[in-house]
Each structure stands twice: as structure tokens, then as C-alpha cells.
N, C-alpha and C. Protein backbone atom coordinates (compact mmCIF):
# COMPACT_ATOMS: atom_id res chain seq x y z
N UNK A 1 39.16 4.80 -62.36
CA UNK A 1 37.91 4.11 -62.29
C UNK A 1 37.81 3.28 -61.03
N UNK A 2 38.94 2.66 -60.68
CA UNK A 2 38.96 1.81 -59.51
C UNK A 2 38.74 2.63 -58.25
N UNK A 3 39.29 3.86 -58.16
CA UNK A 3 39.12 4.71 -57.00
C UNK A 3 37.67 5.13 -56.84
N UNK A 4 36.99 5.45 -57.92
CA UNK A 4 35.59 5.88 -57.82
C UNK A 4 34.71 4.72 -57.38
N UNK A 5 35.05 3.49 -57.77
CA UNK A 5 34.27 2.32 -57.36
C UNK A 5 34.43 2.08 -55.86
N UNK A 6 35.64 2.21 -55.35
CA UNK A 6 35.90 2.06 -53.93
C UNK A 6 35.19 3.16 -53.16
N UNK A 7 35.27 4.39 -53.68
CA UNK A 7 34.60 5.50 -53.03
C UNK A 7 33.09 5.28 -53.01
N UNK A 8 32.51 4.85 -54.13
CA UNK A 8 31.08 4.59 -54.22
C UNK A 8 30.68 3.47 -53.26
N UNK A 9 31.48 2.46 -53.14
CA UNK A 9 31.20 1.35 -52.22
C UNK A 9 31.25 1.85 -50.78
N UNK A 10 32.21 2.70 -50.46
CA UNK A 10 32.33 3.25 -49.11
C UNK A 10 31.12 4.12 -48.78
N UNK A 11 30.70 4.95 -49.71
CA UNK A 11 29.53 5.80 -49.51
C UNK A 11 28.28 4.95 -49.32
N UNK A 12 28.14 3.91 -50.12
CA UNK A 12 26.98 3.01 -50.01
C UNK A 12 26.97 2.31 -48.64
N UNK A 13 28.14 1.85 -48.20
CA UNK A 13 28.24 1.18 -46.90
C UNK A 13 27.91 2.15 -45.78
N UNK A 14 28.39 3.39 -45.90
CA UNK A 14 28.09 4.40 -44.90
C UNK A 14 26.59 4.70 -44.85
N UNK A 15 25.96 4.84 -46.02
CA UNK A 15 24.52 5.11 -46.09
C UNK A 15 23.73 3.95 -45.49
N UNK A 16 24.13 2.72 -45.79
CA UNK A 16 23.43 1.56 -45.24
C UNK A 16 23.60 1.52 -43.72
N UNK A 17 24.77 1.83 -43.23
CA UNK A 17 25.02 1.87 -41.79
C UNK A 17 24.17 2.92 -41.10
N UNK A 18 24.05 4.09 -41.73
CA UNK A 18 23.22 5.16 -41.17
C UNK A 18 21.75 4.75 -41.14
N UNK A 19 21.28 4.08 -42.18
CA UNK A 19 19.89 3.63 -42.22
C UNK A 19 19.62 2.61 -41.11
N UNK A 20 20.55 1.69 -40.89
CA UNK A 20 20.39 0.70 -39.83
C UNK A 20 20.43 1.36 -38.45
N UNK A 21 21.31 2.34 -38.29
CA UNK A 21 21.41 3.03 -37.02
C UNK A 21 20.14 3.80 -36.71
N UNK A 22 19.50 4.34 -37.71
CA UNK A 22 18.27 5.10 -37.51
C UNK A 22 17.14 4.21 -36.99
N UNK A 23 17.14 2.93 -37.32
CA UNK A 23 16.07 2.04 -36.87
C UNK A 23 16.37 1.40 -35.52
N UNK A 24 17.58 1.57 -34.99
CA UNK A 24 17.93 0.97 -33.70
C UNK A 24 17.05 1.53 -32.59
N UNK A 25 16.76 2.82 -32.64
CA UNK A 25 15.92 3.42 -31.60
C UNK A 25 14.56 2.77 -31.52
N UNK A 26 13.94 2.51 -32.67
CA UNK A 26 12.63 1.85 -32.69
C UNK A 26 12.73 0.43 -32.16
N UNK A 27 13.75 -0.27 -32.58
CA UNK A 27 13.93 -1.65 -32.11
C UNK A 27 14.19 -1.66 -30.61
N UNK A 28 15.02 -0.75 -30.16
CA UNK A 28 15.32 -0.68 -28.73
C UNK A 28 14.06 -0.37 -27.93
N UNK A 29 13.23 0.54 -28.41
CA UNK A 29 11.98 0.86 -27.74
C UNK A 29 11.09 -0.37 -27.65
N UNK A 30 11.06 -1.17 -28.70
CA UNK A 30 10.25 -2.38 -28.68
C UNK A 30 10.75 -3.33 -27.59
N UNK A 31 12.04 -3.54 -27.54
CA UNK A 31 12.57 -4.49 -26.58
C UNK A 31 12.50 -3.98 -25.15
N UNK A 32 12.50 -2.68 -24.94
CA UNK A 32 12.42 -2.18 -23.57
C UNK A 32 10.99 -2.06 -23.08
N UNK A 33 10.01 -1.99 -23.95
CA UNK A 33 8.62 -1.92 -23.51
C UNK A 33 7.94 -3.27 -23.57
N UNK A 34 8.51 -4.24 -24.20
CA UNK A 34 7.91 -5.57 -24.31
C UNK A 34 8.88 -6.60 -23.76
N UNK A 35 9.00 -6.62 -22.45
CA UNK A 35 9.94 -7.53 -21.82
C UNK A 35 9.30 -8.13 -20.58
N UNK A 36 9.86 -9.19 -20.07
CA UNK A 36 9.38 -9.78 -18.83
C UNK A 36 10.56 -9.96 -17.90
N UNK A 37 10.25 -10.10 -16.62
CA UNK A 37 11.29 -10.31 -15.62
C UNK A 37 10.73 -11.25 -14.56
N UNK A 38 11.61 -11.86 -13.82
CA UNK A 38 11.16 -12.73 -12.74
C UNK A 38 11.78 -12.27 -11.44
N UNK A 39 11.22 -12.74 -10.33
CA UNK A 39 11.75 -12.38 -9.02
C UNK A 39 11.07 -11.14 -8.49
N UNK A 40 11.56 -10.63 -7.42
CA UNK A 40 11.00 -9.45 -6.82
C UNK A 40 11.61 -9.22 -5.45
N UNK A 41 11.01 -8.35 -4.70
CA UNK A 41 11.48 -8.03 -3.37
C UNK A 41 10.40 -8.35 -2.36
N UNK A 42 10.81 -8.92 -1.25
CA UNK A 42 9.91 -9.19 -0.15
C UNK A 42 9.85 -7.94 0.71
N UNK A 43 8.65 -7.53 1.09
CA UNK A 43 8.49 -6.39 1.97
C UNK A 43 8.43 -6.90 3.40
N UNK A 44 9.29 -6.40 4.23
CA UNK A 44 9.30 -6.78 5.64
C UNK A 44 8.91 -5.56 6.45
N UNK A 45 7.65 -5.50 6.83
CA UNK A 45 7.14 -4.32 7.50
C UNK A 45 7.28 -4.39 9.02
N UNK A 46 7.59 -5.56 9.56
CA UNK A 46 7.79 -5.67 10.99
C UNK A 46 6.53 -5.96 11.77
N UNK A 47 5.37 -5.87 11.17
CA UNK A 47 4.13 -6.19 11.85
C UNK A 47 3.14 -6.73 10.82
N UNK A 48 2.21 -7.51 11.30
CA UNK A 48 1.20 -8.09 10.42
C UNK A 48 -0.16 -7.78 11.01
N UNK A 49 -0.94 -6.99 10.31
CA UNK A 49 -2.28 -6.67 10.77
C UNK A 49 -3.28 -7.01 9.68
N UNK A 50 -4.50 -7.24 10.10
CA UNK A 50 -5.55 -7.59 9.14
C UNK A 50 -6.85 -6.89 9.57
N UNK A 51 -7.50 -6.28 8.60
CA UNK A 51 -8.77 -5.60 8.88
C UNK A 51 -9.91 -6.58 8.66
N UNK A 52 -10.91 -6.48 9.52
CA UNK A 52 -12.13 -7.28 9.37
C UNK A 52 -13.27 -6.28 9.21
N UNK A 53 -13.95 -6.36 8.07
CA UNK A 53 -15.05 -5.44 7.77
C UNK A 53 -16.34 -6.22 7.64
N UNK A 54 -17.40 -5.71 8.25
CA UNK A 54 -18.75 -6.22 8.01
C UNK A 54 -19.62 -5.02 7.70
N UNK A 55 -20.78 -5.29 7.11
CA UNK A 55 -21.68 -4.21 6.71
C UNK A 55 -23.10 -4.56 7.10
N UNK A 56 -23.78 -3.64 7.76
CA UNK A 56 -25.20 -3.79 8.06
C UNK A 56 -25.79 -2.42 8.34
N UNK A 57 -27.05 -2.25 7.98
CA UNK A 57 -27.80 -1.03 8.27
C UNK A 57 -27.03 0.24 7.90
N UNK A 58 -26.51 0.28 6.68
CA UNK A 58 -25.78 1.44 6.14
C UNK A 58 -24.52 1.79 6.94
N UNK A 59 -23.94 0.80 7.61
CA UNK A 59 -22.76 1.04 8.44
C UNK A 59 -21.70 -0.02 8.17
N UNK A 60 -20.46 0.44 7.98
CA UNK A 60 -19.32 -0.48 7.92
C UNK A 60 -18.79 -0.61 9.34
N UNK A 61 -18.61 -1.85 9.78
CA UNK A 61 -18.08 -2.15 11.11
C UNK A 61 -16.67 -2.70 10.92
N UNK A 62 -15.68 -2.05 11.54
CA UNK A 62 -14.28 -2.39 11.32
C UNK A 62 -13.58 -2.75 12.62
N UNK A 63 -12.77 -3.79 12.56
CA UNK A 63 -11.80 -4.06 13.62
C UNK A 63 -10.50 -4.42 12.93
N UNK A 64 -9.40 -4.18 13.60
CA UNK A 64 -8.08 -4.52 13.06
C UNK A 64 -7.40 -5.44 14.05
N UNK A 65 -6.98 -6.61 13.55
CA UNK A 65 -6.30 -7.59 14.39
C UNK A 65 -4.80 -7.52 14.15
N UNK A 66 -4.04 -7.61 15.23
CA UNK A 66 -2.58 -7.66 15.13
C UNK A 66 -2.18 -9.13 15.14
N UNK A 67 -1.70 -9.62 14.01
CA UNK A 67 -1.32 -11.03 13.87
C UNK A 67 0.19 -11.22 13.97
N UNK A 68 0.91 -10.16 14.24
CA UNK A 68 2.36 -10.24 14.37
C UNK A 68 2.79 -10.21 15.82
N UNK A 69 4.08 -10.26 16.03
CA UNK A 69 4.62 -10.27 17.40
C UNK A 69 4.90 -8.88 17.94
N UNK A 70 4.91 -7.88 17.07
CA UNK A 70 5.29 -6.52 17.43
C UNK A 70 4.04 -5.71 17.81
N UNK A 71 4.04 -5.01 18.95
CA UNK A 71 2.91 -4.14 19.27
C UNK A 71 2.82 -2.97 18.29
N UNK A 72 1.60 -2.58 17.92
CA UNK A 72 1.41 -1.57 16.88
C UNK A 72 0.38 -0.52 17.29
N UNK A 73 0.43 0.60 16.58
CA UNK A 73 -0.65 1.58 16.56
C UNK A 73 -1.41 1.39 15.26
N UNK A 74 -2.70 1.75 15.26
CA UNK A 74 -3.55 1.58 14.08
C UNK A 74 -4.30 2.87 13.81
N UNK A 75 -4.46 3.17 12.53
CA UNK A 75 -5.34 4.27 12.12
C UNK A 75 -6.14 3.82 10.91
N UNK A 76 -7.31 4.43 10.71
CA UNK A 76 -8.18 4.05 9.60
C UNK A 76 -8.91 5.28 9.07
N UNK A 77 -9.30 5.19 7.81
CA UNK A 77 -10.04 6.28 7.18
C UNK A 77 -10.87 5.69 6.05
N UNK A 78 -12.08 6.18 5.90
CA UNK A 78 -12.96 5.72 4.82
C UNK A 78 -13.07 6.82 3.77
N UNK A 79 -13.20 6.39 2.52
CA UNK A 79 -13.35 7.32 1.40
C UNK A 79 -14.60 6.94 0.64
N UNK A 80 -15.33 7.95 0.21
CA UNK A 80 -16.52 7.73 -0.63
C UNK A 80 -16.64 8.91 -1.58
N UNK A 81 -17.55 8.80 -2.50
CA UNK A 81 -17.80 9.93 -3.38
C UNK A 81 -18.40 11.08 -2.59
N UNK A 82 -18.50 12.22 -3.21
CA UNK A 82 -19.03 13.39 -2.53
C UNK A 82 -20.53 13.27 -2.25
N UNK A 83 -21.19 12.28 -2.82
CA UNK A 83 -22.62 12.10 -2.58
C UNK A 83 -22.94 11.52 -1.21
N UNK A 84 -21.98 10.87 -0.60
CA UNK A 84 -22.24 10.13 0.63
C UNK A 84 -21.50 10.76 1.80
N UNK A 85 -22.22 10.97 2.89
CA UNK A 85 -21.60 11.47 4.11
C UNK A 85 -21.13 10.29 4.96
N UNK A 86 -20.06 10.48 5.69
CA UNK A 86 -19.53 9.43 6.56
C UNK A 86 -19.43 9.96 7.98
N UNK A 87 -19.95 9.18 8.93
CA UNK A 87 -19.89 9.53 10.34
C UNK A 87 -19.22 8.39 11.10
N UNK A 88 -18.18 8.71 11.84
CA UNK A 88 -17.40 7.69 12.56
C UNK A 88 -17.81 7.66 14.03
N UNK A 89 -17.91 6.46 14.60
CA UNK A 89 -18.10 6.28 16.03
C UNK A 89 -17.38 5.01 16.46
N UNK A 90 -16.85 5.04 17.66
CA UNK A 90 -16.21 3.84 18.19
C UNK A 90 -15.45 4.16 19.45
N UNK A 91 -15.62 3.33 20.44
CA UNK A 91 -14.92 3.51 21.70
C UNK A 91 -13.44 3.25 21.50
N UNK A 92 -12.62 4.21 21.94
CA UNK A 92 -11.17 4.07 21.81
C UNK A 92 -10.62 4.65 20.52
N UNK A 93 -11.47 5.17 19.64
CA UNK A 93 -11.03 5.76 18.38
C UNK A 93 -11.15 7.28 18.49
N UNK A 94 -10.15 7.98 17.97
CA UNK A 94 -10.12 9.43 18.07
C UNK A 94 -9.80 10.05 16.71
N UNK A 95 -10.54 11.10 16.35
CA UNK A 95 -10.32 11.78 15.07
C UNK A 95 -9.00 12.54 15.09
N UNK A 96 -8.24 12.40 14.01
CA UNK A 96 -7.00 13.16 13.86
C UNK A 96 -7.23 14.33 12.92
N UNK A 97 -6.33 15.27 12.93
CA UNK A 97 -6.44 16.45 12.08
C UNK A 97 -6.28 16.11 10.60
N UNK A 98 -5.73 14.93 10.30
CA UNK A 98 -5.47 14.52 8.92
C UNK A 98 -6.59 13.69 8.30
N UNK A 99 -7.73 13.55 8.98
CA UNK A 99 -8.86 12.79 8.44
C UNK A 99 -8.86 11.33 8.85
N UNK A 100 -7.78 10.85 9.44
CA UNK A 100 -7.73 9.47 9.93
C UNK A 100 -8.33 9.40 11.33
N UNK A 101 -8.79 8.21 11.69
CA UNK A 101 -9.23 7.93 13.05
C UNK A 101 -8.19 7.01 13.66
N UNK A 102 -7.67 7.43 14.81
CA UNK A 102 -6.57 6.74 15.47
C UNK A 102 -7.10 5.91 16.63
N UNK A 103 -6.66 4.66 16.70
CA UNK A 103 -6.98 3.84 17.87
C UNK A 103 -6.00 4.26 18.94
N UNK A 104 -6.52 4.79 20.07
CA UNK A 104 -5.64 5.43 21.05
C UNK A 104 -5.00 4.47 22.06
N UNK A 105 -5.04 3.18 21.77
CA UNK A 105 -4.43 2.18 22.64
C UNK A 105 -3.44 1.34 21.82
N UNK A 106 -2.35 0.95 22.43
CA UNK A 106 -1.41 0.05 21.77
C UNK A 106 -2.10 -1.29 21.56
N UNK A 107 -1.96 -1.84 20.36
CA UNK A 107 -2.50 -3.17 20.07
C UNK A 107 -1.32 -4.14 20.20
N UNK A 108 -1.30 -4.93 21.31
CA UNK A 108 -0.15 -5.82 21.52
C UNK A 108 -0.04 -6.89 20.45
N UNK A 109 1.12 -7.49 20.37
CA UNK A 109 1.33 -8.59 19.43
C UNK A 109 0.63 -9.85 19.91
N UNK A 110 0.68 -10.89 19.09
CA UNK A 110 0.04 -12.16 19.43
C UNK A 110 0.75 -12.80 20.62
N UNK A 111 -0.01 -13.59 21.35
CA UNK A 111 0.54 -14.38 22.44
C UNK A 111 0.08 -15.82 22.26
N UNK A 112 0.75 -16.72 22.92
CA UNK A 112 0.38 -18.13 22.87
C UNK A 112 -0.14 -18.55 24.24
N UNK A 113 -1.35 -19.07 24.26
CA UNK A 113 -1.96 -19.51 25.52
C UNK A 113 -1.30 -20.82 25.98
N UNK A 114 -1.57 -21.21 27.22
CA UNK A 114 -0.99 -22.43 27.78
C UNK A 114 -1.36 -23.67 26.97
N UNK A 115 -2.56 -23.64 26.35
CA UNK A 115 -2.98 -24.80 25.56
C UNK A 115 -2.42 -24.78 24.14
N UNK A 116 -1.59 -23.78 23.82
CA UNK A 116 -0.93 -23.71 22.52
C UNK A 116 -1.67 -22.90 21.47
N UNK A 117 -2.85 -22.39 21.78
CA UNK A 117 -3.58 -21.58 20.80
C UNK A 117 -2.98 -20.17 20.74
N UNK A 118 -2.98 -19.62 19.55
CA UNK A 118 -2.45 -18.28 19.33
C UNK A 118 -3.57 -17.27 19.54
N UNK A 119 -3.31 -16.30 20.39
CA UNK A 119 -4.30 -15.27 20.71
C UNK A 119 -3.88 -13.99 20.01
N UNK A 120 -4.78 -13.48 19.15
CA UNK A 120 -4.50 -12.23 18.42
C UNK A 120 -5.17 -11.07 19.15
N UNK A 121 -4.46 -9.97 19.25
CA UNK A 121 -5.03 -8.76 19.83
C UNK A 121 -5.74 -8.01 18.73
N UNK A 122 -6.76 -7.26 19.11
CA UNK A 122 -7.49 -6.48 18.11
C UNK A 122 -8.01 -5.18 18.71
N UNK A 123 -8.35 -4.27 17.82
CA UNK A 123 -8.92 -3.00 18.24
C UNK A 123 -10.39 -3.21 18.61
N UNK A 124 -10.97 -2.21 19.26
CA UNK A 124 -12.42 -2.21 19.41
C UNK A 124 -13.01 -1.84 18.05
N UNK A 125 -14.30 -1.93 17.93
CA UNK A 125 -14.97 -1.71 16.65
C UNK A 125 -15.07 -0.22 16.32
N UNK A 126 -14.76 0.11 15.08
CA UNK A 126 -14.98 1.46 14.54
C UNK A 126 -16.12 1.34 13.55
N UNK A 127 -17.17 2.13 13.76
CA UNK A 127 -18.32 2.12 12.86
C UNK A 127 -18.28 3.34 11.96
N UNK A 128 -18.52 3.11 10.67
CA UNK A 128 -18.58 4.20 9.71
C UNK A 128 -19.98 4.20 9.12
N UNK A 129 -20.82 5.13 9.58
CA UNK A 129 -22.19 5.25 9.10
C UNK A 129 -22.19 5.99 7.78
N UNK A 130 -22.85 5.41 6.78
CA UNK A 130 -22.92 6.01 5.45
C UNK A 130 -24.28 6.70 5.32
N UNK A 131 -24.25 8.00 5.06
CA UNK A 131 -25.49 8.76 4.86
C UNK A 131 -25.73 8.90 3.36
N UNK A 132 -26.85 8.36 2.91
CA UNK A 132 -27.19 8.39 1.49
C UNK A 132 -27.96 9.66 1.16
N UNK A 133 -27.86 10.14 -0.08
CA UNK A 133 -28.63 11.33 -0.47
C UNK A 133 -30.13 11.01 -0.46
N UNK A 134 -30.93 12.04 -0.35
CA UNK A 134 -32.38 11.87 -0.26
C UNK A 134 -32.95 11.20 -1.50
N UNK A 135 -32.36 11.44 -2.67
CA UNK A 135 -32.90 10.87 -3.90
C UNK A 135 -32.33 9.49 -4.23
N UNK A 136 -31.62 8.86 -3.28
CA UNK A 136 -31.05 7.53 -3.53
C UNK A 136 -32.16 6.50 -3.64
N UNK A 137 -31.94 5.54 -4.54
CA UNK A 137 -32.93 4.48 -4.76
C UNK A 137 -32.32 3.14 -4.40
N UNK A 138 -33.17 2.18 -4.09
CA UNK A 138 -32.71 0.82 -3.82
C UNK A 138 -31.94 0.31 -5.03
N UNK A 139 -30.77 -0.22 -4.82
CA UNK A 139 -29.95 -0.75 -5.91
C UNK A 139 -28.94 0.23 -6.46
N UNK A 140 -28.96 1.50 -6.03
CA UNK A 140 -27.94 2.46 -6.48
C UNK A 140 -26.57 2.01 -5.99
N UNK A 141 -25.55 2.27 -6.80
CA UNK A 141 -24.19 1.93 -6.41
C UNK A 141 -23.70 2.84 -5.30
N UNK A 142 -22.98 2.23 -4.39
CA UNK A 142 -22.33 2.98 -3.31
C UNK A 142 -20.99 2.31 -3.06
N UNK A 143 -19.93 3.06 -3.18
CA UNK A 143 -18.60 2.50 -2.99
C UNK A 143 -17.90 3.27 -1.89
N UNK A 144 -17.70 2.62 -0.76
CA UNK A 144 -16.97 3.21 0.35
C UNK A 144 -15.75 2.33 0.59
N UNK A 145 -14.58 2.92 0.46
CA UNK A 145 -13.32 2.20 0.60
C UNK A 145 -12.69 2.59 1.93
N UNK A 146 -12.25 1.58 2.68
CA UNK A 146 -11.59 1.83 3.96
C UNK A 146 -10.10 1.55 3.81
N UNK A 147 -9.30 2.51 4.23
CA UNK A 147 -7.85 2.38 4.25
C UNK A 147 -7.44 2.32 5.72
N UNK A 148 -6.60 1.38 6.05
CA UNK A 148 -6.06 1.35 7.41
C UNK A 148 -4.57 1.16 7.34
N UNK A 149 -3.89 1.62 8.36
CA UNK A 149 -2.44 1.48 8.44
C UNK A 149 -2.07 1.09 9.86
N UNK A 150 -0.97 0.39 9.98
CA UNK A 150 -0.42 0.10 11.30
C UNK A 150 1.06 0.40 11.26
N UNK A 151 1.58 0.76 12.41
CA UNK A 151 3.01 1.08 12.53
C UNK A 151 3.46 0.58 13.91
N UNK A 152 4.67 0.02 13.98
CA UNK A 152 5.16 -0.39 15.30
C UNK A 152 5.17 0.78 16.28
N UNK A 153 4.91 0.47 17.54
CA UNK A 153 4.89 1.50 18.57
C UNK A 153 6.26 2.16 18.63
N UNK A 154 6.26 3.48 18.73
CA UNK A 154 7.49 4.25 18.84
C UNK A 154 7.56 4.87 20.23
N UNK A 155 8.79 5.05 20.72
CA UNK A 155 9.00 5.53 22.08
C UNK A 155 9.83 6.81 22.06
N UNK A 156 9.61 7.67 23.08
CA UNK A 156 10.41 8.89 23.19
C UNK A 156 11.73 8.56 23.87
N UNK A 157 12.56 9.57 24.10
CA UNK A 157 13.90 9.35 24.67
C UNK A 157 13.86 8.83 26.10
N UNK A 158 12.73 9.00 26.79
CA UNK A 158 12.59 8.49 28.16
C UNK A 158 12.01 7.08 28.19
N UNK A 159 11.71 6.50 27.03
CA UNK A 159 11.16 5.15 26.98
C UNK A 159 9.65 5.09 27.07
N UNK A 160 8.99 6.23 26.99
CA UNK A 160 7.53 6.26 27.04
C UNK A 160 6.96 6.18 25.63
N UNK A 161 5.84 5.45 25.44
CA UNK A 161 5.26 5.38 24.10
C UNK A 161 4.79 6.77 23.63
N UNK A 162 5.05 7.05 22.37
CA UNK A 162 4.59 8.30 21.75
C UNK A 162 3.11 8.13 21.42
N UNK A 163 2.33 9.19 21.52
CA UNK A 163 0.90 9.13 21.19
C UNK A 163 0.72 8.73 19.72
N UNK A 164 -0.32 7.97 19.39
CA UNK A 164 -0.51 7.51 18.00
C UNK A 164 -0.52 8.65 16.98
N UNK A 165 -1.11 9.79 17.32
CA UNK A 165 -1.18 10.91 16.38
C UNK A 165 0.18 11.56 16.16
N UNK A 166 1.13 11.36 17.08
CA UNK A 166 2.44 11.98 16.97
C UNK A 166 3.48 11.05 16.35
N UNK A 167 3.09 9.83 16.04
CA UNK A 167 4.01 8.84 15.48
C UNK A 167 4.34 9.21 14.04
N UNK A 168 5.53 8.86 13.60
CA UNK A 168 5.94 9.05 12.20
C UNK A 168 5.33 7.92 11.37
N UNK A 169 4.26 8.21 10.65
CA UNK A 169 3.56 7.21 9.84
C UNK A 169 4.19 7.07 8.46
N UNK A 170 5.26 7.80 8.18
CA UNK A 170 5.88 7.74 6.86
C UNK A 170 7.17 6.93 6.88
N UNK A 171 7.29 5.99 7.80
CA UNK A 171 8.51 5.19 7.91
C UNK A 171 8.83 4.46 6.63
N UNK A 172 10.11 4.18 6.43
CA UNK A 172 10.55 3.49 5.22
C UNK A 172 10.27 2.01 5.32
N UNK A 173 10.00 1.41 4.19
CA UNK A 173 9.76 -0.01 4.09
C UNK A 173 11.10 -0.70 3.86
N UNK A 174 11.38 -1.73 4.65
CA UNK A 174 12.61 -2.50 4.47
C UNK A 174 12.35 -3.55 3.41
N UNK A 175 13.28 -3.71 2.48
CA UNK A 175 13.12 -4.72 1.44
C UNK A 175 14.25 -5.72 1.52
N UNK A 176 13.98 -6.90 1.05
CA UNK A 176 15.00 -7.94 1.00
C UNK A 176 14.89 -8.68 -0.31
N UNK A 177 15.95 -9.24 -0.77
CA UNK A 177 15.98 -9.94 -2.04
C UNK A 177 15.23 -11.26 -1.92
N UNK A 178 14.39 -11.56 -2.91
CA UNK A 178 13.74 -12.86 -2.99
C UNK A 178 14.41 -13.68 -4.06
N UNK A 179 14.21 -14.97 -4.01
CA UNK A 179 14.85 -15.87 -4.98
C UNK A 179 14.46 -15.47 -6.39
N UNK A 180 15.43 -15.36 -7.26
CA UNK A 180 15.17 -14.98 -8.64
C UNK A 180 15.08 -13.48 -8.83
N UNK A 181 15.19 -12.71 -7.76
CA UNK A 181 15.06 -11.26 -7.85
C UNK A 181 16.31 -10.60 -8.39
N UNK A 182 16.21 -9.35 -8.63
CA UNK A 182 17.32 -8.58 -9.16
C UNK A 182 17.79 -7.65 -8.05
N UNK A 183 19.08 -7.67 -7.76
CA UNK A 183 19.62 -6.76 -6.74
C UNK A 183 19.60 -5.34 -7.26
N UNK A 184 19.21 -4.43 -6.39
CA UNK A 184 19.28 -3.01 -6.74
C UNK A 184 19.83 -2.25 -5.59
């Protein structure tokens, strides 16, 4: 009788253990999807640029200022729905085969004038004319998004700057640990 009681207790303990183990997956899923973390990584891109957009007469007017110390190349592209046509114009801007418009001049980094003021370099203006459909009405929504990118100037083996369209625009982003971040 004593052996069967021990056996029954062992079977019961095993069954209870299996039942608890079966629910661990659900509990683990809860804790892995409902969690918080602190810290992060600082992105150090090597250059600081800022786009300035204005809008008038169905045209977005864009310039890009280089606020960093590193000379850069700049490219820009506008996106809209298929209802709206986009026409680009701007002195110093050239269409690339990839749909971007490239500023064909190096945009130097900031300099400091003799009086101590910081002088930012900028591109010439790129205009993006938006052509509306014939049946468009006053107040219709129109969403045109402009994407721009900058990359430090790259040089060939002879020390000459590479043309903006030939630059590797897929460079890796350097990251650094910020306070409270997690090392990876």
C-alpha cells in the first residue's frame, strides 16, 4: 500500500510539473512582448545637414544647408501619389537614373567668420512643381513628401572628388553606446 501511495504521489507531481511547464511558453511570450528598456545608440553620421522647404504656387522650394564641418554631397527626391505629376527644376541640380536629383557641387562644411558668426553652406534651390489633375478641387488633399540624403565627399585613388552620382550612398552608419544603453 505504501508503494502505491508513493507511486501515486510521484505521478501526481509529474503531472503537475508538466502542466506548469506547458504554461511557461505563454508566460514567457507575455514577458517578452510586454517589456521596456532604457538607453540606446547614438548615430554618428559624420555630417549634419538640414532641409529647408517652402511652398507657393503649387511648388515646393528646397534648399539643403550643411551645418557640419565635413563637406558633403546632397541628393533629393519627392514622392506623391500617382494622381500628381512632379517636375523638377534648379540650377546645379541634375537628374540621376535612380529618380534622385543630385546637387552637382560639393557643399562645404561650416566656417567661422572673423566676427565669430558661423556661416553655413547650402545648395541652390531645387523646385518641385506639383501638377494637379484636371478634376482637382480647392481643398483636396495633396501629400508630397521630400526625401533628401547627404554623404561625405568621397575621393578616388588620385585624390580627386568622385562625382555625386558615382558615390556609394549605401555607407554604413557608425553607432556608439549612449548612457544607459545596452552593448551589442
